[in-house]
């Protein structure tokens, strides 16, 4: 399962989101059946993060989504705009 796209972070949340990003990446890469997880800062827009995720299957992707919802990352990113394409 692949998710790719980007998020736009409101100015008011930018500092907190950036401070939580490294831990979010570390925890996600530590999930069983996470194959690839990349988050890259946009070079022109500091409020934009490009996201690419690959998981072994839909169950692994759902596990990730559920973990994130109950994490600090989930709380600090509630107001970001998400622009994703998900393929199976």
Protein backbone atom coordinates (compact mmCIF):
# COMPACT_ATOMS: atom_id res chain seq x y z
CA UNK A 1 0.00 0.00 0.00
CA UNK A 2 1.42 3.38 -1.01
CA UNK A 3 0.57 6.88 0.15
CA UNK A 4 2.13 9.83 -1.58
CA UNK A 5 1.49 13.55 -1.60
CA UNK A 6 2.10 16.48 0.68
CA UNK A 7 0.84 18.39 3.69
CA UNK A 8 0.55 22.12 4.26
CA UNK A 9 1.19 23.23 7.83
CA UNK A 10 -0.46 26.38 9.22
CA UNK A 11 2.04 29.02 10.37
CA UNK A 12 0.80 28.73 13.96
CA UNK A 13 1.65 25.00 14.06
CA UNK A 14 4.90 25.00 12.08
CA UNK A 15 7.34 25.05 15.00
CA UNK A 16 5.57 22.27 16.92
CA UNK A 17 5.11 20.05 13.85
CA UNK A 18 8.78 20.42 12.93
CA UNK A 19 9.83 19.61 16.50
CA UNK A 20 7.84 16.34 16.42
CA UNK A 21 8.80 15.26 12.90
CA UNK A 22 11.98 13.30 13.68
CA UNK A 23 10.24 11.22 16.35
CA UNK A 24 7.28 10.59 14.03
CA UNK A 25 9.63 9.33 11.32
CA UNK A 26 11.56 7.14 13.78
CA UNK A 27 8.39 5.58 15.22
CA UNK A 28 6.91 4.95 11.78
CA UNK A 29 10.06 3.31 10.44
CA UNK A 30 10.01 1.10 13.54
CA UNK A 31 6.53 -0.20 12.76
CA UNK A 32 6.38 -3.79 11.59
CA UNK A 33 5.80 -4.02 7.85
CA UNK A 34 6.63 -0.39 7.07
CA UNK A 35 8.81 -0.56 3.96
CA UNK A 36 9.51 3.12 3.21
CA UNK A 37 8.63 6.33 5.02
CA UNK A 38 10.03 9.59 3.67
CA UNK A 39 9.14 13.15 4.63
CA UNK A 40 10.98 15.89 2.77
CA UNK A 41 10.79 19.63 3.36
CA UNK A 42 9.79 21.60 0.28
CA UNK A 43 12.64 23.85 -0.87
CA UNK A 44 10.40 26.83 -1.70
CA UNK A 45 7.66 26.55 0.94
CA UNK A 46 8.67 25.96 4.60
CA UNK A 47 5.06 25.03 5.40
CA UNK A 48 4.99 22.13 2.91
CA UNK A 49 6.20 18.59 3.55
CA UNK A 50 6.32 15.96 0.79
CA UNK A 51 5.31 12.51 2.03
CA UNK A 52 5.93 9.04 0.60
CA UNK A 53 4.96 5.88 2.50
CA UNK A 54 4.97 2.19 1.57
CA UNK A 55 3.53 -0.58 3.71
CA UNK A 56 3.47 -4.32 3.07
CA UNK A 57 -0.33 -4.44 2.95
CA UNK A 58 -3.53 -2.68 3.93
CA UNK A 59 -3.40 -4.06 7.50
CA UNK A 60 0.03 -2.51 8.05
CA UNK A 61 -1.21 0.79 6.63
CA UNK A 62 -4.27 0.72 8.91
CA UNK A 63 -2.04 -0.05 11.91
CA UNK A 64 0.03 3.01 11.05
CA UNK A 65 -3.02 5.24 10.65
CA UNK A 66 -4.44 4.11 14.00
CA UNK A 67 -1.12 4.57 15.79
CA UNK A 68 -0.71 8.06 14.39
CA UNK A 69 -4.23 9.12 15.42
CA UNK A 70 -3.45 8.40 19.07
CA UNK A 71 0.08 9.90 19.01
CA UNK A 72 1.40 13.37 19.74
CA UNK A 73 2.07 13.71 16.01
CA UNK A 74 -1.63 13.12 15.41
CA UNK A 75 -2.51 15.87 17.87
CA UNK A 76 -0.06 18.49 16.52
CA UNK A 77 -1.10 17.88 12.90
CA UNK A 78 -4.88 18.12 13.30
CA UNK A 79 -4.99 21.40 11.36
CA UNK A 80 -2.65 20.53 8.47
CA UNK A 81 -4.06 20.28 4.96
CA UNK A 82 -3.49 16.78 3.61
CA UNK A 83 -3.14 16.17 -0.13
CA UNK A 84 -2.60 12.43 -0.59
CA UNK A 85 -3.06 9.75 -3.20
CA UNK A 86 -3.37 6.21 -1.85
CA UNK A 87 -2.82 3.18 -4.07
CA UNK A 88 -3.17 -0.50 -3.26
